[in-house]
């Protein structure tokens, strides 16, 4: 846990910084390029690590508690069943199976409750149940899987077995059109929110893909975006958007009006402190080398956001290899 007595608040004072989990590591407790964070069936965190081509051993899923206790890694880099290369997102089905999107193979892999590989589906292409860089995934109230098919500029609805149900979208900047969409979130009413990456906006659809509204424009002001990617909706209907190149997470109400912004306030993680306690010479060097600590506390390319039932906001702070946590007040 971080050690500050009075943790900092967000800009509009609607959120309090809570904690951080993380450490750059290819083995043991640690992350390497975390790109997706979700809560599992027993209220543990699952974090997908994309890593880099030079570090394939770090491509994996990390499971830990919300208090930062490391539990395990599973999965590995490769093209064989149960392996993956460029993971983009993970999602749990209502049955408790873990779905993983791999934009390299253009496939979705499924793991059971024991984290063992079960099946995979998908292939490169633009037809039904085919993908060109699948990114965000979410399950709708009816149990179907919604997949953002980024370079096909569409959303596909599939059964849990990967059978095609329907699709919507198409390349463009008009209402209901998409340009390299990335993240997806579905609220309790079944409405679907898409982070429309290259159009710098969020679009809202009903469960069948009928356009409802959009908000956002290009820029760095309140309510503007520079390549939005991860997106989530909480139990109050508030919408959270990872504003990737602006290094922040913006919060909006149900109408798409700006409410608050999270910028990152990270302290030292439990994993980091354990590592430094075991390597005091490294800590001394780190203290000498540390400059402008405020910048290092901030988000650097946040790519995924998840809100649990208790109102904790988990942000995958990708380029700093950690998950920062806020509490909604």
Protein backbone atom coordinates (compact mmCIF):
# COMPACT_ATOMS: atom_id res chain seq x y z
CA UNK A 1 0.00 0.00 0.00
CA UNK A 2 1.12 3.56 -0.53
CA UNK A 3 1.97 5.46 2.63
CA UNK A 4 0.35 8.90 2.22
CA UNK A 5 -1.98 9.73 5.13
CA UNK A 6 -4.21 12.02 3.09
CA UNK A 7 -4.44 10.77 -0.49
CA UNK A 8 -4.93 13.36 -3.27
CA UNK A 9 -8.26 14.09 -4.90
CA UNK A 10 -9.20 14.36 -8.56
CA UNK A 11 -9.64 17.76 -10.23
CA UNK A 12 -13.36 18.08 -9.37
CA UNK A 13 -12.89 16.24 -6.05
CA UNK A 14 -15.17 13.35 -7.00
CA UNK A 15 -12.45 10.69 -6.68
CA UNK A 16 -9.67 9.99 -4.23
CA UNK A 17 -6.43 8.28 -5.21
CA UNK A 18 -6.31 4.95 -3.40
CA UNK A 19 -3.34 2.77 -4.33
CA UNK A 20 -1.12 1.36 -7.06
CA UNK A 21 -0.20 -2.17 -8.10
CA UNK A 22 2.76 -2.82 -10.35
CA UNK A 23 6.41 -3.22 -11.15
CA UNK A 24 8.12 -3.68 -14.52
CA UNK A 25 9.06 -7.34 -14.47
CA UNK A 26 9.03 -10.24 -16.92
CA UNK A 27 8.73 -12.81 -14.12
CA UNK A 28 7.17 -12.99 -10.67
CA UNK A 29 5.14 -10.05 -9.34
CA UNK A 30 5.06 -7.44 -12.05
CA UNK A 31 3.52 -6.18 -15.28
CA UNK A 32 4.93 -5.47 -18.72
CA UNK A 33 2.80 -3.17 -20.83
CA UNK A 34 -0.59 -3.84 -19.17
CA UNK A 35 -3.38 -3.23 -21.71
CA UNK A 36 -6.50 -4.63 -20.05
CA UNK A 37 -7.64 -4.89 -16.43
CA UNK A 38 -10.83 -6.56 -15.20
CA UNK A 39 -12.31 -8.15 -12.09
CA UNK A 40 -12.67 -11.93 -12.13
CA UNK A 41 -15.52 -14.09 -10.80
CA UNK A 42 -14.08 -14.16 -7.24
CA UNK A 43 -13.26 -10.43 -7.11
CA UNK A 44 -9.60 -10.73 -8.07
CA UNK A 45 -7.83 -8.64 -10.70
CA UNK A 46 -6.79 -10.05 -14.06
CA UNK A 47 -4.32 -7.95 -16.04
CA UNK A 48 -3.31 -8.65 -19.65
CA UNK A 49 0.34 -7.88 -20.43
CA UNK A 50 1.21 -7.02 -24.02
CA UNK A 51 4.96 -6.53 -23.34
CA UNK A 52 7.19 -6.01 -26.40
CA UNK A 53 8.47 -8.16 -29.27
CA UNK A 54 11.88 -8.19 -27.58
CA UNK A 55 10.41 -9.67 -24.39
CA UNK A 56 8.01 -12.47 -25.41
CA UNK A 57 8.33 -14.17 -22.03
CA UNK A 58 6.46 -11.22 -20.49
CA UNK A 59 3.35 -11.75 -22.65
CA UNK A 60 0.92 -13.25 -20.13
CA UNK A 61 -2.10 -12.74 -17.89
CA UNK A 62 -1.40 -11.72 -14.29
CA UNK A 63 -3.82 -12.58 -11.48
CA UNK A 64 -3.58 -10.69 -8.18
CA UNK A 65 -5.75 -9.43 -5.36
CA UNK A 66 -7.07 -5.87 -5.32
CA UNK A 67 -4.70 -5.22 -2.41
CA UNK A 68 -1.72 -6.06 -4.60
CA UNK A 69 -0.96 -9.62 -3.50
CA UNK A 70 0.48 -11.54 -6.44
CA UNK A 71 -1.24 -14.86 -7.18
CA UNK A 72 -0.03 -16.19 -10.54
CA UNK A 73 0.75 -15.69 -14.21
CA UNK A 74 -0.70 -17.84 -16.98
CA UNK A 75 -0.59 -17.92 -20.76
CA UNK A 76 2.43 -17.49 -23.00
CA UNK A 77 3.64 -15.96 -26.24
CA UNK A 78 3.14 -17.96 -29.42
CA UNK A 79 0.77 -19.11 -32.14
CA UNK A 80 -0.26 -22.51 -30.78
CA UNK A 81 -3.64 -23.08 -29.05
CA UNK A 82 -3.64 -21.31 -25.70
CA UNK A 83 -0.84 -18.95 -26.75
CA UNK A 84 -1.13 -15.34 -27.91
CA UNK A 85 1.08 -12.58 -29.30
CA UNK A 86 -0.59 -9.14 -29.33
CA UNK A 87 -3.27 -9.26 -26.67
CA UNK A 88 -5.64 -6.30 -26.77
CA UNK A 89 -8.33 -7.09 -24.20
CA UNK A 90 -9.79 -9.69 -21.86
CA UNK A 91 -13.37 -10.19 -20.67
CA UNK A 92 -15.26 -12.68 -18.52
CA UNK A 93 -18.40 -14.36 -19.81
CA UNK A 94 -21.46 -14.85 -17.58
CA UNK A 95 -20.33 -18.48 -17.26
CA UNK A 96 -16.98 -17.40 -15.83
CA UNK A 97 -14.81 -18.16 -18.85
CA UNK A 98 -12.03 -15.72 -19.76
CA UNK A 99 -12.01 -14.45 -23.36
CA UNK A 100 -8.78 -12.98 -24.80
CA UNK A 101 -8.49 -11.02 -28.07
CA UNK A 102 -5.24 -11.36 -30.04
CA UNK A 103 -4.86 -8.84 -32.85
CA UNK A 104 -1.87 -10.71 -34.30
CA UNK A 105 -3.69 -13.98 -34.99
CA UNK A 106 -7.10 -12.29 -35.39
CA UNK A 107 -8.52 -14.85 -33.01
CA UNK A 108 -10.23 -14.97 -29.64
CA UNK A 109 -9.04 -17.58 -27.14
CA UNK A 110 -11.15 -18.90 -24.27
CA UNK A 111 -9.86 -20.13 -20.89
CA UNK A 112 -11.84 -21.93 -18.19
CA UNK A 113 -12.09 -21.17 -14.46
CA UNK A 114 -8.78 -22.98 -13.88
CA UNK A 115 -7.11 -20.73 -16.49
CA UNK A 116 -6.73 -23.69 -18.85
CA UNK A 117 -7.18 -23.17 -22.59
CA UNK A 118 -10.56 -24.42 -23.89
CA UNK A 119 -11.03 -23.23 -27.47
CA UNK A 120 -10.46 -20.38 -29.89
CA UNK A 121 -12.30 -18.93 -32.86
CA UNK A 122 -11.89 -16.33 -35.57
CA UNK A 123 -9.64 -15.86 -38.58
CA UNK A 124 -8.30 -12.95 -40.66
CA UNK A 125 -10.83 -11.34 -42.98
CA UNK A 126 -13.83 -9.06 -43.22
CA UNK A 127 -16.65 -11.59 -43.29
CA UNK A 128 -18.84 -12.84 -40.45
CA UNK A 129 -16.79 -14.05 -37.44
CA UNK A 130 -13.61 -12.87 -39.17
CA UNK A 131 -11.43 -10.09 -37.76
CA UNK A 132 -8.92 -7.46 -38.72
CA UNK A 133 -7.33 -6.48 -35.40
CA UNK A 134 -9.97 -7.33 -32.77
CA UNK A 135 -9.65 -4.97 -29.80
CA UNK A 136 -12.27 -4.34 -27.12
CA UNK A 137 -14.73 -7.00 -25.95
CA UNK A 138 -17.76 -7.02 -23.66
CA UNK A 139 -20.68 -9.31 -22.90
CA UNK A 140 -24.21 -8.00 -23.26
CA UNK A 141 -27.11 -8.69 -20.88
CA UNK A 142 -28.23 -11.57 -23.12
CA UNK A 143 -24.86 -13.28 -22.87
CA UNK A 144 -23.64 -12.58 -26.40
CA UNK A 145 -20.09 -11.36 -27.01
CA UNK A 146 -19.59 -7.90 -28.55
CA UNK A 147 -16.24 -7.55 -30.32
CA UNK A 148 -14.74 -4.32 -31.64
CA UNK A 149 -13.24 -5.24 -35.02
CA UNK A 150 -10.88 -2.28 -35.32
CA UNK A 151 -9.59 -2.28 -38.89
CA UNK A 152 -12.90 -3.52 -40.26
CA UNK A 153 -14.37 -0.45 -38.51
CA UNK A 154 -17.28 -2.37 -37.05
CA UNK A 155 -18.72 -4.12 -34.01
CA UNK A 156 -19.61 -7.80 -34.30
CA UNK A 157 -22.03 -9.64 -32.02
CA UNK A 158 -21.18 -13.33 -31.60
CA UNK A 159 -22.37 -16.22 -29.48
CA UNK A 160 -20.03 -17.50 -26.78
CA UNK A 161 -18.92 -20.17 -29.29
CA UNK A 162 -18.00 -17.52 -31.86
CA UNK A 163 -21.01 -17.91 -34.16
CA UNK A 164 -22.02 -14.73 -35.97
CA UNK A 165 -25.19 -12.93 -34.84
CA UNK A 166 -25.01 -9.42 -36.32
CA UNK A 167 -22.78 -6.41 -36.93
CA UNK A 168 -22.84 -2.65 -37.36
CA UNK A 169 -20.53 0.21 -38.21
CA UNK A 170 -18.50 0.94 -41.33
CA UNK A 171 -15.66 3.34 -42.09
CA UNK A 172 -16.52 7.02 -41.79
CA UNK A 173 -17.10 9.99 -39.50
CA UNK A 174 -20.90 10.20 -39.64
CA UNK A 175 -23.33 9.07 -36.96
CA UNK A 176 -22.95 5.33 -36.48
CA UNK A 177 -19.79 5.14 -38.59
CA UNK A 178 -16.44 4.23 -37.06
CA UNK A 179 -12.76 4.80 -37.73
CA UNK A 180 -10.45 2.33 -36.00
CA UNK A 181 -12.65 1.88 -32.91
CA UNK A 182 -10.97 0.39 -29.85
CA UNK A 183 -12.79 0.13 -26.50
CA UNK A 184 -16.30 -1.01 -25.68
CA UNK A 185 -18.54 -0.90 -22.61
CA UNK A 186 -22.11 -2.07 -22.08
CA UNK A 187 -24.36 -0.66 -19.35
CA UNK A 188 -27.07 -2.42 -17.36
CA UNK A 189 -29.72 -1.41 -19.91
CA UNK A 190 -27.74 -3.09 -22.70
CA UNK A 191 -26.66 0.16 -24.36
CA UNK A 192 -23.22 0.02 -25.98
CA UNK A 193 -20.48 2.66 -25.77
CA UNK A 194 -17.64 2.65 -28.31
CA UNK A 195 -14.36 4.57 -28.08
CA UNK A 196 -14.10 5.73 -31.71
CA UNK A 197 -10.30 6.05 -31.75
CA UNK A 198 -9.45 7.94 -34.92
CA UNK A 199 -12.63 10.04 -34.80
CA UNK A 200 -11.76 11.23 -31.25
CA UNK A 201 -15.22 10.64 -29.89
CA UNK A 202 -17.47 8.22 -28.02
CA UNK A 203 -20.58 6.83 -29.67
CA UNK A 204 -23.54 5.25 -27.93
CA UNK A 205 -25.73 2.57 -29.53
CA UNK A 206 -28.59 0.42 -28.36
CA UNK A 207 -28.07 -3.34 -28.04
CA UNK A 208 -28.92 -3.87 -31.73
CA UNK A 209 -26.51 -1.22 -33.00
CA UNK A 210 -28.93 1.68 -33.51
CA UNK A 211 -27.10 4.99 -33.08
CA UNK A 212 -28.20 6.98 -30.03
CA UNK A 213 -25.69 9.79 -29.45
CA UNK A 214 -22.04 10.79 -29.59
CA UNK A 215 -19.79 13.19 -27.70
CA UNK A 216 -16.23 14.42 -27.92
CA UNK A 217 -13.97 16.11 -30.45
CA UNK A 218 -10.24 16.37 -31.14
CA UNK A 219 -8.17 18.35 -28.66
CA UNK A 220 -6.92 18.47 -25.09
CA UNK A 221 -9.67 20.46 -23.39
CA UNK A 222 -12.44 19.14 -21.17
CA UNK A 223 -14.55 16.71 -23.18
CA UNK A 224 -12.01 16.52 -25.99
CA UNK A 225 -9.88 13.50 -26.90
CA UNK A 226 -6.60 12.55 -28.49
CA UNK A 227 -7.16 8.90 -29.45
CA UNK A 228 -9.60 7.50 -26.85
CA UNK A 229 -9.19 3.78 -26.26
CA UNK A 230 -10.38 2.10 -23.03
CA UNK A 231 -13.93 2.82 -21.85
CA UNK A 232 -16.15 1.73 -18.97
CA UNK A 233 -19.52 2.53 -17.40
CA UNK A 234 -20.16 2.32 -13.64
CA UNK A 235 -23.30 1.43 -11.73
CA UNK A 236 -24.34 5.09 -11.61
CA UNK A 237 -24.18 5.38 -15.39
CA UNK A 238 -21.03 7.52 -15.40
CA UNK A 239 -18.77 6.95 -18.41
CA UNK A 240 -14.98 6.66 -18.10
CA UNK A 241 -12.75 7.16 -21.14
CA UNK A 242 -9.00 6.59 -21.36
CA UNK A 243 -7.75 9.62 -23.30
CA UNK A 244 -4.60 7.91 -24.52
CA UNK A 245 -2.34 10.61 -25.95
CA UNK A 246 -3.61 13.19 -23.44
CA UNK A 247 -2.49 10.83 -20.63
CA UNK A 248 -5.68 11.04 -18.61
CA UNK A 249 -9.01 9.39 -17.89
CA UNK A 250 -12.06 11.61 -18.33
CA UNK A 251 -15.40 11.00 -16.61
CA UNK A 252 -18.76 11.94 -18.15
CA UNK A 253 -22.38 11.69 -17.07
CA UNK A 254 -25.03 9.70 -18.94
CA UNK A 255 -25.64 12.61 -21.31
CA UNK A 256 -21.96 12.84 -22.24
CA UNK A 257 -21.27 15.99 -20.21
CA UNK A 258 -17.84 16.30 -18.61
CA UNK A 259 -17.70 15.60 -14.85
CA UNK A 260 -14.09 15.02 -13.78
CA UNK A 261 -10.63 13.94 -14.89
CA UNK A 262 -8.08 11.53 -13.40
CA UNK A 263 -4.42 12.21 -14.17
CA UNK A 264 -2.56 9.72 -11.96
CA UNK A 265 -1.12 10.19 -8.46
CA UNK A 266 0.96 7.04 -8.07
CA UNK A 267 3.12 6.32 -5.06
CA UNK A 268 5.34 3.29 -4.46
CA UNK A 269 3.61 -0.06 -5.01
CA UNK A 270 3.85 -3.01 -2.64
CA UNK A 271 5.75 -4.94 -5.32
CA UNK A 272 8.15 -2.05 -5.86
CA UNK A 273 8.83 -1.67 -2.14
CA UNK A 274 9.50 -5.40 -1.77
CA UNK A 275 11.96 -5.25 -4.66
CA UNK A 276 13.80 -2.22 -3.25
CA UNK A 277 13.93 -3.69 0.26
CA UNK A 278 15.73 -6.68 -1.24
CA UNK A 279 18.05 -4.45 -3.31
CA UNK A 280 19.06 -1.42 -1.16
CA UNK A 281 21.87 -0.44 -3.52
CA UNK A 282 19.31 -0.01 -6.31
CA UNK A 283 17.16 2.19 -4.05
CA UNK A 284 20.11 4.49 -3.35
CA UNK A 285 20.79 4.84 -7.06
CA UNK A 286 17.10 5.43 -7.70
CA UNK A 287 16.97 8.25 -5.15
CA UNK A 288 19.95 9.92 -6.78
CA UNK A 289 18.51 9.55 -10.27
CA UNK A 290 14.93 10.57 -9.48
CA UNK A 291 13.97 13.93 -10.92
CA UNK A 292 10.57 15.56 -11.31
CA UNK A 293 8.75 12.91 -9.29
CA UNK A 294 5.39 14.57 -10.00
CA UNK A 295 5.61 13.59 -13.68
CA UNK A 296 6.37 9.99 -12.74
CA UNK A 297 3.22 9.88 -10.62
CA UNK A 298 1.05 10.73 -13.64
CA UNK A 299 -0.50 8.40 -16.18
CA UNK A 300 1.61 7.61 -19.22
CA UNK A 301 -0.61 6.14 -21.95
CA UNK A 302 -3.56 4.79 -19.95
CA UNK A 303 -5.24 2.15 -22.08
CA UNK A 304 -7.89 0.35 -19.99
CA UNK A 305 -10.27 1.35 -17.20
CA UNK A 306 -12.46 -0.86 -15.02
CA UNK A 307 -14.84 0.01 -12.16
CA UNK A 308 -15.85 -2.58 -9.59
CA UNK A 309 -19.07 -2.79 -7.58
CA UNK A 310 -17.51 -0.84 -4.69
CA UNK A 311 -16.71 2.15 -6.89
CA UNK A 312 -12.98 1.51 -7.18
CA UNK A 313 -11.56 2.65 -10.51
CA UNK A 314 -8.68 0.58 -11.90
CA UNK A 315 -6.59 2.15 -14.68
CA UNK A 316 -4.02 0.19 -16.69
CA UNK A 317 -1.17 2.73 -16.86
CA UNK A 318 0.48 0.97 -19.78
CA UNK A 319 3.83 2.68 -20.31
CA UNK A 320 4.54 2.84 -16.57
CA UNK A 321 3.70 -0.88 -16.14
CA UNK A 322 1.22 -0.48 -13.29
CA UNK A 323 -2.45 -0.23 -12.36
CA UNK A 324 -3.47 2.93 -10.52
CA UNK A 325 -6.57 2.80 -8.32
CA UNK A 326 -9.04 5.55 -7.37
CA UNK A 327 -12.09 5.46 -5.11
CA UNK A 328 -15.30 7.15 -6.21
CA UNK A 329 -16.58 9.40 -3.42
